[in-house]
Amino acid sequence: MTSKRSMKSAFESMMFIWGEPLNVRLAAEIFNIDWKEAYECFRDLQKEYDEQERGIRIRETDKSFQFVTLADNSEYIERLCTPVKQRKLTQSALEVLAIIAYKQPVTRGEIETIRGIRCERVLEGLQSKGLVEETGRSSGIGRPILYGTTGEFLKHFGFSSIKELPDIEDIESAIENEEPKDMVDLQQISIDMPEE
């Protein structure tokens, strides 16, 4: 026979995993006990959480129980869940991202050859932001990792497909005409469009 302590422990785990209000009758079936006995266990648990003034409480709704956060903590939860303004990508990150977007799949060595400088840290940063991912291995010597853009990259820049990337010629003419400060200087990157 399962002890009351073990049942309460199990009910805690079940509520945590279930996500939705856990019906007492369902919990009772799992333990093959009377629903009133299960209900008493849930009520004991609820009382323990209240007495210990925990940040998590147990709420009862129509003979079902679920974990909820303490209402007094809502301000802190809102602060945690409100997204912090994302830092803008650096010039070097934009350059590497542009190379990957137009040349993918591409190795780190190929990116560094085009840029003329190392880009290991920049690649790590782009991966941590979810804009770039490993897509496989090259068949070349040492089988270096191949990189490509992600669905997050498309979402971040407002593309539905990689085919929507502007032509290099269009970007170069825009740079010549407008000279925006935040644009990547693609003349320094020298990206050759992949052959169709």
C-alpha atoms as a PDB file:
ATOM      1  CA  MET A   1       0.000   0.000   0.000  1.00  0.00           C
ATOM      2  CA  THR A   2       1.304   3.425  -0.970  1.00  0.00           C
ATOM      3  CA  SER A   3       1.906   5.850   1.890  1.00  0.00           C
ATOM      4  CA  LYS A   4       0.194   9.234   1.960  1.00  0.00           C
ATOM      5  CA  ARG A   5       3.592  10.921   1.718  1.00  0.00           C
ATOM      6  CA  SER A   6       4.444   8.985  -1.471  1.00  0.00           C
ATOM      7  CA  MET A   7       1.063   9.836  -2.991  1.00  0.00           C
ATOM      8  CA  LYS A   8       1.504  13.543  -2.282  1.00  0.00           C
ATOM      9  CA  SER A   9       4.955  13.403  -3.849  1.00  0.00           C
ATOM     10  CA  ALA A  10       3.517  11.675  -6.918  1.00  0.00           C
ATOM     11  CA  PHE A  11       0.635  14.172  -7.135  1.00  0.00           C
ATOM     12  CA  GLU A  12       3.173  17.024  -7.132  1.00  0.00           C
ATOM     13  CA  SER A  13       5.049  15.433 -10.029  1.00  0.00           C
ATOM     14  CA  MET A  14       1.826  14.716 -11.892  1.00  0.00           C
ATOM     15  CA  MET A  15       0.588  18.322 -11.539  1.00  0.00           C
ATOM     16  CA  PHE A  16       3.950  19.646 -12.692  1.00  0.00           C
ATOM     17  CA  ILE A  17       3.987  17.474 -15.824  1.00  0.00           C
ATOM     18  CA  TRP A  18       0.264  17.635 -16.610  1.00  0.00           C
ATOM     19  CA  GLY A  19       0.223  21.422 -17.056  1.00  0.00           C
ATOM     20  CA  GLU A  20      -3.575  21.597 -16.967  1.00  0.00           C
ATOM     21  CA  PRO A  21      -5.740  21.150 -13.857  1.00  0.00           C
ATOM     22  CA  LEU A  22      -5.345  17.533 -12.728  1.00  0.00           C
ATOM     23  CA  ASN A  23      -8.693  15.924 -11.981  1.00  0.00           C
ATOM     24  CA  VAL A  24      -8.898  14.190  -8.603  1.00  0.00           C
ATOM     25  CA  ARG A  25     -10.752  11.191 -10.041  1.00  0.00           C
ATOM     26  CA  LEU A  26      -8.024  10.633 -12.653  1.00  0.00           C
ATOM     27  CA  ALA A  27      -5.325  10.821  -9.971  1.00  0.00           C
ATOM     28  CA  ALA A  28      -7.328   8.392  -7.806  1.00  0.00           C
ATOM     29  CA  GLU A  29      -7.626   5.916 -10.692  1.00  0.00           C
ATOM     30  CA  ILE A  30      -3.869   5.891 -11.176  1.00  0.00           C
ATOM     31  CA  PHE A  31      -3.411   4.882  -7.522  1.00  0.00           C
ATOM     32  CA  ASN A  32      -6.493   2.675  -7.481  1.00  0.00           C
ATOM     33  CA  ILE A  33      -7.901   4.526  -4.453  1.00  0.00           C
ATOM     34  CA  ASP A  34     -11.163   6.277  -3.629  1.00  0.00           C
ATOM     35  CA  TRP A  35     -11.380   9.791  -5.063  1.00  0.00           C
ATOM     36  CA  LYS A  36     -12.065  11.204  -1.572  1.00  0.00           C
ATOM     37  CA  GLU A  37      -8.715   9.881  -0.363  1.00  0.00           C
ATOM     38  CA  ALA A  38      -6.964  11.503  -3.348  1.00  0.00           C
ATOM     39  CA  TYR A  39      -8.861  14.723  -2.705  1.00  0.00           C
ATOM     40  CA  GLU A  40      -7.679  14.760   0.896  1.00  0.00           C
ATOM     41  CA  CYS A  41      -4.055  14.375  -0.285  1.00  0.00           C
ATOM     42  CA  PHE A  42      -4.407  17.300  -2.699  1.00  0.00           C
ATOM     43  CA  ARG A  43      -5.944  19.459   0.055  1.00  0.00           C
ATOM     44  CA  ASP A  44      -3.071  18.574   2.414  1.00  0.00           C
ATOM     45  CA  LEU A  45      -0.545  19.530  -0.268  1.00  0.00           C
ATOM     46  CA  GLN A  46      -2.384  22.783  -0.904  1.00  0.00           C
ATOM     47  CA  LYS A  47      -2.276  23.619   2.802  1.00  0.00           C
ATOM     48  CA  GLU A  48       1.468  22.828   3.028  1.00  0.00           C
ATOM     49  CA  TYR A  49       2.285  25.176   0.141  1.00  0.00           C
ATOM     50  CA  ASP A  50       0.176  27.957   1.726  1.00  0.00           C
ATOM     51  CA  GLU A  51       1.707  27.528   5.196  1.00  0.00           C
ATOM     52  CA  GLN A  52       5.258  27.572   3.812  1.00  0.00           C
ATOM     53  CA  GLU A  53       4.426  30.767   1.854  1.00  0.00           C
ATOM     54  CA  ARG A  54       5.896  29.317  -1.330  1.00  0.00           C
ATOM     55  CA  GLY A  55       6.081  31.218  -4.614  1.00  0.00           C
ATOM     56  CA  ILE A  56       4.147  28.347  -6.176  1.00  0.00           C
ATOM     57  CA  ARG A  57       0.667  27.552  -4.857  1.00  0.00           C
ATOM     58  CA  ILE A  58      -1.898  24.861  -5.620  1.00  0.00           C
ATOM     59  CA  ARG A  59      -5.264  26.025  -6.903  1.00  0.00           C
ATOM     60  CA  GLU A  60      -8.440  23.978  -6.835  1.00  0.00           C
ATOM     61  CA  THR A  61     -10.970  24.313  -9.644  1.00  0.00           C
ATOM     62  CA  ASP A  62     -13.982  22.012  -9.817  1.00  0.00           C
ATOM     63  CA  LYS A  63     -12.304  19.031  -8.062  1.00  0.00           C
ATOM     64  CA  SER A  64      -9.116  19.524 -10.091  1.00  0.00           C
ATOM     65  CA  PHE A  65      -5.791  20.904  -8.867  1.00  0.00           C
ATOM     66  CA  GLN A  66      -2.918  22.698 -10.577  1.00  0.00           C
ATOM     67  CA  PHE A  67       0.200  24.683  -9.781  1.00  0.00           C
ATOM     68  CA  VAL A  68      -0.066  28.471 -10.059  1.00  0.00           C
ATOM     69  CA  THR A  69       2.310  31.291  -9.212  1.00  0.00           C
ATOM     70  CA  LEU A  70       1.692  33.519  -6.203  1.00  0.00           C
ATOM     71  CA  ALA A  71      -0.187  36.617  -7.377  1.00  0.00           C
ATOM     72  CA  ASP A  72       2.128  38.877  -5.313  1.00  0.00           C
ATOM     73  CA  ASN A  73       5.026  37.841  -7.569  1.00  0.00           C
ATOM     74  CA  SER A  74       3.352  38.852 -10.842  1.00  0.00           C
ATOM     75  CA  GLU A  75       5.473  41.999 -11.210  1.00  0.00           C
ATOM     76  CA  TYR A  76       8.708  39.989 -11.160  1.00  0.00           C
ATOM     77  CA  ILE A  77       7.340  37.380 -13.542  1.00  0.00           C
ATOM     78  CA  GLU A  78       6.346  40.125 -15.998  1.00  0.00           C
ATOM     79  CA  ARG A  79       9.865  41.586 -15.828  1.00  0.00           C
ATOM     80  CA  LEU A  80      11.365  38.161 -16.491  1.00  0.00           C
ATOM     81  CA  CYS A  81       9.063  37.400 -19.412  1.00  0.00           C
ATOM     82  CA  THR A  82       9.212  40.830 -21.073  1.00  0.00           C
ATOM     83  CA  PRO A  83      11.806  40.482 -23.836  1.00  0.00           C
ATOM     84  CA  VAL A  84      14.883  42.614 -23.435  1.00  0.00           C
ATOM     85  CA  LYS A  85      15.633  44.717 -26.505  1.00  0.00           C
ATOM     86  CA  GLN A  86      17.903  42.634 -28.679  1.00  0.00           C
ATOM     87  CA  ARG A  87      21.330  44.043 -29.322  1.00  0.00           C
ATOM     88  CA  LYS A  88      21.931  45.007 -32.918  1.00  0.00           C
ATOM     89  CA  LEU A  89      24.267  42.855 -34.947  1.00  0.00           C
ATOM     90  CA  THR A  90      27.799  44.210 -35.278  1.00  0.00           C
ATOM     91  CA  GLN A  91      29.291  45.101 -38.641  1.00  0.00           C
ATOM     92  CA  SER A  92      31.420  41.936 -38.635  1.00  0.00           C
ATOM     93  CA  ALA A  93      28.396  39.796 -37.707  1.00  0.00           C
ATOM     94  CA  LEU A  94      26.427  41.299 -40.606  1.00  0.00           C
ATOM     95  CA  GLU A  95      29.302  40.620 -42.979  1.00  0.00           C
ATOM     96  CA  VAL A  96      29.601  36.967 -41.927  1.00  0.00           C
ATOM     97  CA  LEU A  97      25.820  36.564 -42.048  1.00  0.00           C
ATOM     98  CA  ALA A  98      25.688  38.004 -45.568  1.00  0.00           C
ATOM     99  CA  ILE A  99      28.418  35.628 -46.754  1.00  0.00           C
ATOM    100  CA  ILE A 100      26.628  32.623 -45.253  1.00  0.00           C
ATOM    101  CA  ALA A 101      23.251  33.712 -46.642  1.00  0.00           C
ATOM    102  CA  TYR A 102      24.550  34.051 -50.208  1.00  0.00           C
ATOM    103  CA  LYS A 103      27.119  31.245 -50.294  1.00  0.00           C
ATOM    104  CA  GLN A 104      25.502  28.566 -48.092  1.00  0.00           C
ATOM    105  CA  PRO A 105      26.409  25.909 -47.376  1.00  0.00           C
ATOM    106  CA  VAL A 106      29.816  27.422 -46.628  1.00  0.00           C
ATOM    107  CA  THR A 107      32.774  26.509 -44.410  1.00  0.00           C
ATOM    108  CA  ARG A 108      34.450  28.792 -41.893  1.00  0.00           C
ATOM    109  CA  GLY A 109      37.599  28.709 -44.035  1.00  0.00           C
ATOM    110  CA  GLU A 110      35.673  30.002 -47.059  1.00  0.00           C
ATOM    111  CA  ILE A 111      34.129  32.794 -44.987  1.00  0.00           C
ATOM    112  CA  GLU A 112      37.553  33.786 -43.635  1.00  0.00           C
ATOM    113  CA  THR A 113      39.037  33.757 -47.148  1.00  0.00           C
ATOM    114  CA  ILE A 114      36.340  36.151 -48.350  1.00  0.00           C
ATOM    115  CA  ARG A 115      36.608  38.478 -45.323  1.00  0.00           C
ATOM    116  CA  GLY A 116      40.378  38.226 -44.928  1.00  0.00           C
ATOM    117  CA  ILE A 117      40.135  37.803 -41.143  1.00  0.00           C
ATOM    118  CA  ARG A 118      39.185  35.099 -38.642  1.00  0.00           C
ATOM    119  CA  CYS A 119      35.516  34.742 -37.786  1.00  0.00           C
ATOM    120  CA  GLU A 120      35.274  31.936 -35.219  1.00  0.00           C
ATOM    121  CA  ARG A 121      33.882  34.171 -32.432  1.00  0.00           C
ATOM    122  CA  VAL A 122      31.446  35.890 -34.798  1.00  0.00           C
ATOM    123  CA  LEU A 123      30.151  32.505 -35.979  1.00  0.00           C
ATOM    124  CA  GLU A 124      29.639  31.390 -32.372  1.00  0.00           C
ATOM    125  CA  GLY A 125      27.668  34.582 -31.683  1.00  0.00           C
ATOM    126  CA  LEU A 126      25.457  34.072 -34.729  1.00  0.00           C
ATOM    127  CA  GLN A 127      24.820  30.462 -33.707  1.00  0.00           C
ATOM    128  CA  SER A 128      23.899  31.490 -30.161  1.00  0.00           C
ATOM    129  CA  LYS A 129      21.378  33.964 -31.606  1.00  0.00           C
ATOM    130  CA  GLY A 130      19.920  31.130 -33.697  1.00  0.00           C
ATOM    131  CA  LEU A 131      20.606  32.883 -37.024  1.00  0.00           C
ATOM    132  CA  VAL A 132      23.176  30.354 -38.259  1.00  0.00           C
ATOM    133  CA  GLU A 133      23.468  26.590 -37.835  1.00  0.00           C
ATOM    134  CA  GLU A 134      25.687  23.686 -38.826  1.00  0.00           C
ATOM    135  CA  THR A 135      24.226  22.011 -41.893  1.00  0.00           C
ATOM    136  CA  GLY A 136      26.688  19.160 -42.381  1.00  0.00           C
ATOM    137  CA  ARG A 137      30.289  18.541 -43.363  1.00  0.00           C
ATOM    138  CA  SER A 138      32.196  19.368 -46.500  1.00  0.00           C
ATOM    139  CA  SER A 139      33.728  16.543 -48.509  1.00  0.00           C
ATOM    140  CA  GLY A 140      36.999  18.518 -48.591  1.00  0.00           C
ATOM    141  CA  ILE A 141      40.176  17.770 -46.629  1.00  0.00           C
ATOM    142  CA  GLY A 142      39.416  17.469 -42.902  1.00  0.00           C
ATOM    143  CA  ARG A 143      35.678  17.504 -43.624  1.00  0.00           C
ATOM    144  CA  PRO A 144      35.107  21.016 -42.229  1.00  0.00           C
ATOM    145  CA  ILE A 145      31.698  22.009 -40.881  1.00  0.00           C
ATOM    146  CA  LEU A 146      29.272  23.646 -43.301  1.00  0.00           C
ATOM    147  CA  TYR A 147      27.147  26.571 -42.150  1.00  0.00           C
ATOM    148  CA  GLY A 148      23.795  27.856 -43.335  1.00  0.00           C
ATOM    149  CA  THR A 149      21.091  30.255 -42.195  1.00  0.00           C
ATOM    150  CA  THR A 150      18.100  29.193 -40.094  1.00  0.00           C
ATOM    151  CA  GLY A 151      14.366  29.762 -40.038  1.00  0.00           C
ATOM    152  CA  GLU A 152      15.047  32.352 -37.310  1.00  0.00           C
ATOM    153  CA  PHE A 153      17.239  34.247 -39.809  1.00  0.00           C
ATOM    154  CA  LEU A 154      14.340  34.375 -42.275  1.00  0.00           C
ATOM    155  CA  LYS A 155      11.948  35.512 -39.553  1.00  0.00           C
ATOM    156  CA  HIS A 156      14.385  38.107 -38.190  1.00  0.00           C
ATOM    157  CA  PHE A 157      14.892  39.729 -41.583  1.00  0.00           C
ATOM    158  CA  GLY A 158      11.324  39.279 -42.839  1.00  0.00           C
ATOM    159  CA  PHE A 159      11.924  36.690 -45.585  1.00  0.00           C
ATOM    160  CA  SER A 160       9.661  33.723 -46.221  1.00  0.00           C
ATOM    161  CA  SER A 161      12.370  31.958 -48.220  1.00  0.00           C
ATOM    162  CA  ILE A 162      16.100  32.321 -48.877  1.00  0.00           C
ATOM    163  CA  LYS A 163      15.174  32.971 -52.532  1.00  0.00           C
ATOM    164  CA  GLU A 164      13.820  36.373 -51.456  1.00  0.00           C
ATOM    165  CA  LEU A 165      17.324  37.654 -50.713  1.00  0.00           C
ATOM    166  CA  PRO A 166      18.010  40.698 -52.905  1.00  0.00           C
ATOM    167  CA  ASP A 167      20.459  40.319 -55.788  1.00  0.00           C
ATOM    168  CA  ILE A 168      23.983  41.471 -55.020  1.00  0.00           C
ATOM    169  CA  GLU A 169      23.797  43.995 -57.876  1.00  0.00           C
ATOM    170  CA  ASP A 170      20.692  45.576 -56.309  1.00  0.00           C
ATOM    171  CA  ILE A 171      22.436  45.952 -52.964  1.00  0.00           C
ATOM    172  CA  GLU A 172      25.573  47.433 -54.513  1.00  0.00           C
ATOM    173  CA  SER A 173      23.568  50.057 -56.398  1.00  0.00           C
ATOM    174  CA  ALA A 174      21.615  50.889 -53.210  1.00  0.00           C
ATOM    175  CA  ILE A 175      24.892  51.378 -51.338  1.00  0.00           C
ATOM    176  CA  GLU A 176      26.240  53.677 -54.061  1.00  0.00           C
ATOM    177  CA  ASN A 177      23.040  55.754 -54.149  1.00  0.00           C
ATOM    178  CA  GLU A 178      22.178  55.987 -50.438  1.00  0.00           C
ATOM    179  CA  GLU A 179      25.358  55.190 -48.449  1.00  0.00           C
ATOM    180  CA  PRO A 180      23.430  54.043 -45.334  1.00  0.00           C
ATOM    181  CA  LYS A 181      25.568  53.741 -42.185  1.00  0.00           C
ATOM    182  CA  ASP A 182      24.219  50.360 -41.049  1.00  0.00           C
ATOM    183  CA  MET A 183      24.545  48.535 -44.387  1.00  0.00           C
ATOM    184  CA  VAL A 184      27.284  46.026 -44.963  1.00  0.00           C
ATOM    185  CA  ASP A 185      29.941  47.198 -47.392  1.00  0.00           C
ATOM    186  CA  LEU A 186      29.524  44.370 -49.868  1.00  0.00           C
ATOM    187  CA  GLN A 187      32.308  45.743 -52.083  1.00  0.00           C
ATOM    188  CA  GLN A 188      34.751  44.543 -49.402  1.00  0.00           C
ATOM    189  CA  ILE A 189      33.071  41.156 -49.164  1.00  0.00           C
ATOM    190  CA  SER A 190      33.232  40.248 -52.869  1.00  0.00           C
ATOM    191  CA  ILE A 191      30.556  37.602 -52.863  1.00  0.00           C
ATOM    192  CA  ASP A 192      30.069  35.685 -56.070  1.00  0.00           C
ATOM    193  CA  MET A 193      26.479  34.629 -56.576  1.00  0.00           C
ATOM    194  CA  PRO A 194      26.127  30.820 -56.708  1.00  0.00           C
ATOM    195  CA  GLU A 195      25.385  29.452 -60.111  1.00  0.00           C
ATOM    196  CA  GLU A 196      21.751  28.394 -60.640  1.00  0.00           C
END
